[in-house]
C-alpha atoms as a PDB file:
ATOM      1  CA  MET A   1       0.014  -0.006   0.020  1.00  0.00           C
ATOM      2  CA  ALA A   2       1.335   3.431  -0.957  1.00  0.00           C
ATOM      3  CA  LYS A   3       1.941   6.118   1.624  1.00  0.00           C
ATOM      4  CA  ILE A   4      -0.850   8.734   1.214  1.00  0.00           C
ATOM      5  CA  LYS A   5       0.430  12.326   1.309  1.00  0.00           C
ATOM      6  CA  GLY A   6      -1.518  15.519   1.613  1.00  0.00           C
ATOM      7  CA  SER A   7      -0.647  19.056   0.680  1.00  0.00           C
ATOM      8  CA  TYR A   8      -0.359  21.569   3.595  1.00  0.00           C
ATOM      9  CA  GLU A   9       0.381  25.124   4.234  1.00  0.00           C
ATOM     10  CA  SER A  10       1.781  26.653   7.436  1.00  0.00           C
ATOM     11  CA  MET A  11       1.921  30.345   8.235  1.00  0.00           C
ATOM     12  CA  ILE A  12       4.086  31.312  11.193  1.00  0.00           C
ATOM     13  CA  VAL A  13       4.690  34.715  12.859  1.00  0.00           C
ATOM     14  CA  PHE A  14       7.943  34.834  14.674  1.00  0.00           C
ATOM     15  CA  SER A  15       8.921  37.386  17.416  1.00  0.00           C
ATOM     16  CA  VAL A  16      11.387  40.039  16.461  1.00  0.00           C
ATOM     17  CA  LYS A  17      12.044  41.287  19.959  1.00  0.00           C
ATOM     18  CA  ASN A  18      15.479  39.497  19.908  1.00  0.00           C
ATOM     19  CA  GLY A  19      16.226  40.847  16.360  1.00  0.00           C
ATOM     20  CA  GLU A  20      15.578  39.587  12.851  1.00  0.00           C
ATOM     21  CA  GLU A  21      18.522  37.191  13.094  1.00  0.00           C
ATOM     22  CA  ALA A  22      16.841  35.240  15.889  1.00  0.00           C
ATOM     23  CA  ALA A  23      13.711  35.065  13.792  1.00  0.00           C
ATOM     24  CA  GLN A  24      15.650  33.818  10.779  1.00  0.00           C
ATOM     25  CA  ALA A  25      17.338  31.179  12.966  1.00  0.00           C
ATOM     26  CA  LEU A  26      13.881  29.918  13.880  1.00  0.00           C
ATOM     27  CA  VAL A  27      12.846  29.932  10.199  1.00  0.00           C
ATOM     28  CA  ALA A  28      15.895  27.736   9.400  1.00  0.00           C
ATOM     29  CA  LYS A  29      15.028  25.418  12.308  1.00  0.00           C
ATOM     30  CA  PHE A  30      11.430  24.810  11.057  1.00  0.00           C
ATOM     31  CA  LYS A  31      12.534  24.570   7.410  1.00  0.00           C
ATOM     32  CA  GLU A  32      14.922  21.783   8.485  1.00  0.00           C
ATOM     33  CA  MET A  33      12.207  20.120  10.452  1.00  0.00           C
ATOM     34  CA  ILE A  34       9.809  20.150   7.550  1.00  0.00           C
ATOM     35  CA  GLU A  35      12.382  18.967   5.081  1.00  0.00           C
ATOM     36  CA  ALA A  36      13.294  16.035   7.416  1.00  0.00           C
ATOM     37  CA  ASN A  37       9.652  14.919   7.612  1.00  0.00           C
ATOM     38  CA  ALA A  38       7.984  16.111   4.435  1.00  0.00           C
ATOM     39  CA  GLU A  39       8.606  17.330   0.897  1.00  0.00           C
ATOM     40  CA  LEU A  40       8.970  21.134   1.147  1.00  0.00           C
ATOM     41  CA  THR A  41       7.451  22.698  -2.033  1.00  0.00           C
ATOM     42  CA  ALA A  42       7.806  26.414  -1.334  1.00  0.00           C
ATOM     43  CA  VAL A  43       8.927  28.902   1.312  1.00  0.00           C
ATOM     44  CA  ASP A  44       7.628  32.455   1.123  1.00  0.00           C
ATOM     45  CA  GLU A  45       9.367  34.804   3.548  1.00  0.00           C
ATOM     46  CA  TRP A  46       7.277  38.015   3.946  1.00  0.00           C
ATOM     47  CA  GLY A  47       9.732  39.435   6.374  1.00  0.00           C
ATOM     48  CA  LYS A  48       9.112  41.892   9.192  1.00  0.00           C
ATOM     49  CA  ARG A  49       5.599  43.372   9.259  1.00  0.00           C
ATOM     50  CA  LYS A  50       3.402  45.303  11.591  1.00  0.00           C
ATOM     51  CA  LEU A  51       0.874  43.164  13.425  1.00  0.00           C
ATOM     52  CA  ALA A  52      -2.825  44.006  13.271  1.00  0.00           C
ATOM     53  CA  TYR A  53      -2.771  44.076  17.126  1.00  0.00           C
ATOM     54  CA  ASP A  54      -0.131  43.644  19.790  1.00  0.00           C
ATOM     55  CA  ILE A  55       0.766  40.064  20.722  1.00  0.00           C
ATOM     56  CA  ASN A  56       2.690  39.717  23.975  1.00  0.00           C
ATOM     57  CA  TYR A  57       3.296  43.441  23.899  1.00  0.00           C
ATOM     58  CA  GLU A  58       4.957  43.189  20.457  1.00  0.00           C
ATOM     59  CA  SER A  59       3.740  45.268  17.489  1.00  0.00           C
ATOM     60  CA  GLU A  60       5.834  43.615  14.763  1.00  0.00           C
ATOM     61  CA  GLY A  61       6.398  40.041  13.644  1.00  0.00           C
ATOM     62  CA  TYR A  62       8.454  38.069  11.018  1.00  0.00           C
ATOM     63  CA  TYR A  63       6.051  36.232   8.719  1.00  0.00           C
ATOM     64  CA  VAL A  64       6.843  33.074   6.807  1.00  0.00           C
ATOM     65  CA  VAL A  65       4.640  30.658   4.759  1.00  0.00           C
ATOM     66  CA  PHE A  66       5.705  27.063   4.185  1.00  0.00           C
ATOM     67  CA  ASN A  67       4.030  24.820   1.630  1.00  0.00           C
ATOM     68  CA  PHE A  68       4.739  21.138   1.894  1.00  0.00           C
ATOM     69  CA  ASP A  69       3.425  17.628   1.151  1.00  0.00           C
ATOM     70  CA  ALA A  70       3.404  15.230   4.085  1.00  0.00           C
ATOM     71  CA  LYS A  71       1.821  12.184   5.640  1.00  0.00           C
ATOM     72  CA  PRO A  72      -1.260  13.064   7.733  1.00  0.00           C
ATOM     73  CA  ASP A  73       0.519  12.635  11.109  1.00  0.00           C
ATOM     74  CA  PHE A  74       3.231  15.287  10.515  1.00  0.00           C
ATOM     75  CA  PRO A  75       1.083  18.367  10.674  1.00  0.00           C
ATOM     76  CA  ALA A  76      -0.060  17.563  14.184  1.00  0.00           C
ATOM     77  CA  GLU A  77       3.553  17.123  15.312  1.00  0.00           C
ATOM     78  CA  LEU A  78       4.549  20.364  13.608  1.00  0.00           C
ATOM     79  CA  THR A  79       1.739  22.226  15.469  1.00  0.00           C
ATOM     80  CA  ARG A  80       2.800  20.678  18.736  1.00  0.00           C
ATOM     81  CA  VAL A  81       6.421  21.859  18.360  1.00  0.00           C
ATOM     82  CA  LEU A  82       5.340  25.275  17.177  1.00  0.00           C
ATOM     83  CA  ASN A  83       3.137  25.708  20.235  1.00  0.00           C
ATOM     84  CA  ILE A  84       5.967  24.986  22.618  1.00  0.00           C
ATOM     85  CA  THR A  85       8.686  26.968  20.867  1.00  0.00           C
ATOM     86  CA  ASP A  86       9.688  30.366  22.345  1.00  0.00           C
ATOM     87  CA  GLY A  87       9.790  33.016  19.672  1.00  0.00           C
ATOM     88  CA  VAL A  88       6.668  31.848  17.842  1.00  0.00           C
ATOM     89  CA  LEU A  89       3.923  34.414  18.206  1.00  0.00           C
ATOM     90  CA  ARG A  90       1.231  32.760  16.102  1.00  0.00           C
ATOM     91  CA  SER A  91       1.055  29.820  13.760  1.00  0.00           C
ATOM     92  CA  ILE A  92      -1.489  27.854  11.746  1.00  0.00           C
ATOM     93  CA  VAL A  93      -1.111  24.605   9.703  1.00  0.00           C
ATOM     94  CA  ILE A  94      -3.954  23.904   7.217  1.00  0.00           C
ATOM     95  CA  ALA A  95      -4.592  21.201   4.656  1.00  0.00           C
ATOM     96  CA  LYS A  96      -4.875  22.652   1.152  1.00  0.00           C
END
């Protein structure tokens, strides 16, 4: 039986309170994690932008969108890791 893969998109807003370099280090960390567990199809770095409202007293965030194909169990693991990682202000993983 073939492994069934789905197409997913994840948008992540990283904190920039420790500088853009810290945010880019987190981008690299999650890019490596996705590449190790899925087929990364696109990375769209929007960069530093003003938030619609303050999150944890921060008014700016570093936006990144990842598109990837993965087995159905990986998005839940990615969400779990995003939720416990310092420096991640907001994140969402959706099936396309």
